Amino acid sequence: MLRWIALILIALLIALQVKLWIGEGGMRDLRALRARVSAQQAENAKLKQRNEALQAEVEDLKHGKDAVEARARSQLGLIKPGEVFYQVVDLPPGAGTAAPPPSASTAGHP
């Protein structure tokens, strides 16, 4: 009789250990949950930094004329009276490496 009770208790212990390590809500799920929490905390920190930068920009735009002027210059291309506007255009890749066309004075002459 004592032997049966010991076998039942051992089987119960094994079943509980399997549930703890492999089953739903066990150690595997706990590790996955901790990894998700860590990833979410990193994402939250990045978004918090972005929000702080945006808040600083809003405050600067509310209280500083220089920030409004800089934004108008960069985004709208506005210039002050008396200033000269220069626009630098980048050539598309490969556009500057083409050979120039032959001139009319050398075409057809040996």
Protein backbone atom coordinates (compact mmCIF):
# COMPACT_ATOMS: atom_id res chain seq x y z
CA MET A 1 0.00 0.00 0.00
CA LEU A 2 2.80 2.38 0.88
CA ARG A 3 4.46 1.53 -2.40
CA TRP A 4 1.38 2.61 -4.39
CA ILE A 5 1.16 5.90 -2.53
CA ALA A 6 4.85 6.57 -3.25
CA LEU A 7 4.35 5.80 -6.98
CA ILE A 8 1.30 8.05 -7.15
CA LEU A 9 3.19 10.89 -5.44
CA ILE A 10 6.17 10.48 -7.79
CA ALA A 11 3.86 10.47 -10.83
CA LEU A 12 2.12 13.59 -9.49
CA LEU A 13 5.48 15.28 -8.93
CA ILE A 14 6.60 14.47 -12.48
CA ALA A 15 3.30 15.78 -13.90
CA LEU A 16 3.66 19.03 -11.96
CA GLN A 17 7.26 19.47 -13.12
CA VAL A 18 6.26 18.93 -16.74
CA LYS A 19 3.49 21.50 -16.39
CA LEU A 20 5.90 23.94 -14.72
CA TRP A 21 8.60 23.70 -17.38
CA ILE A 22 6.66 22.97 -20.58
CA GLY A 23 2.97 23.68 -19.99
CA GLU A 24 0.95 26.82 -20.55
CA GLY A 25 2.05 29.61 -18.20
CA GLY A 26 5.26 27.76 -17.45
CA MET A 27 8.88 28.78 -17.64
CA ARG A 28 8.95 28.88 -21.46
CA ASP A 29 6.03 31.29 -21.56
CA LEU A 30 7.64 33.34 -18.81
CA ARG A 31 10.85 33.74 -20.84
CA ALA A 32 8.87 34.75 -23.94
CA LEU A 33 6.85 37.24 -21.91
CA ARG A 34 10.00 38.77 -20.42
CA ALA A 35 11.49 39.14 -23.90
CA ARG A 36 8.33 40.90 -25.11
CA VAL A 37 8.36 43.22 -22.09
CA SER A 38 12.01 44.08 -22.72
CA ALA A 39 11.33 44.83 -26.40
CA GLN A 40 8.33 46.98 -25.50
CA GLN A 41 10.35 48.92 -22.91
CA ALA A 42 13.01 49.66 -25.55
CA GLU A 43 10.33 50.82 -27.99
CA ASN A 44 8.74 52.99 -25.28
CA ALA A 45 12.12 54.60 -24.48
CA LYS A 46 12.67 55.40 -28.17
CA LEU A 47 9.17 56.89 -28.49
CA LYS A 48 9.61 58.88 -25.28
CA GLN A 49 12.83 60.40 -26.65
CA ARG A 50 11.02 61.27 -29.88
CA ASN A 51 8.14 62.86 -27.96
CA GLU A 52 10.56 64.94 -25.87
CA ALA A 53 12.28 66.19 -29.03
CA LEU A 54 8.92 67.09 -30.58
CA GLN A 55 7.84 68.85 -27.36
CA ALA A 56 11.07 70.88 -27.35
CA GLU A 57 10.47 71.82 -30.99
CA VAL A 58 6.89 72.90 -30.22
CA GLU A 59 8.09 75.07 -27.33
CA ASP A 60 10.79 76.58 -29.53
CA LEU A 61 8.25 77.36 -32.26
CA LYS A 62 5.87 78.92 -29.72
CA HIS A 63 8.43 81.20 -28.13
CA GLY A 64 11.17 81.78 -30.70
CA LYS A 65 10.97 83.79 -33.89
CA ASP A 66 14.26 82.30 -35.11
CA ALA A 67 12.85 78.78 -35.14
CA VAL A 68 9.84 79.84 -37.20
CA GLU A 69 12.12 81.64 -39.65
CA ALA A 70 14.46 78.64 -39.94
CA ARG A 71 11.55 76.30 -40.59
CA ALA A 72 10.10 78.65 -43.23
CA ARG A 73 13.49 78.83 -44.95
CA SER A 74 14.11 75.08 -44.97
CA GLN A 75 10.62 73.81 -45.74
CA LEU A 76 9.12 76.61 -47.81
CA GLY A 77 12.26 78.03 -49.42
CA LEU A 78 11.52 81.57 -48.21
CA ILE A 79 14.22 84.24 -48.43
CA LYS A 80 14.59 87.71 -46.94
CA PRO A 81 14.54 90.82 -49.10
CA GLY A 82 17.99 91.46 -50.54
CA GLU A 83 19.14 87.84 -50.24
CA VAL A 84 20.13 85.72 -53.22
CA PHE A 85 18.81 82.17 -53.43
CA TYR A 86 21.08 79.47 -54.81
CA GLN A 87 19.78 75.97 -55.42
CA VAL A 88 22.26 73.14 -55.82
CA VAL A 89 20.89 70.27 -57.88
CA ASP A 90 22.50 66.84 -57.58
CA LEU A 91 22.93 65.01 -60.86
CA PRO A 92 21.36 61.57 -61.04
CA PRO A 93 23.86 58.69 -60.85
CA GLY A 94 25.57 58.13 -64.19
CA ALA A 95 24.58 61.51 -65.64
CA GLY A 96 28.03 63.06 -65.19
CA THR A 97 29.99 60.13 -66.67
CA ALA A 98 28.58 60.20 -70.20
CA ALA A 99 30.97 61.34 -72.96
CA PRO A 100 30.15 64.73 -74.50
CA PRO A 101 28.62 64.66 -78.00
CA PRO A 102 31.08 65.28 -80.86
CA SER A 103 31.30 68.90 -81.90
CA ALA A 104 30.06 70.03 -85.33
CA SER A 105 33.51 71.24 -86.40
CA THR A 106 35.14 67.79 -86.10
CA ALA A 107 32.25 65.68 -87.32
CA GLY A 108 32.92 64.19 -90.76
CA HIS A 109 36.44 65.64 -91.12
CA PRO A 110 39.48 63.32 -91.16
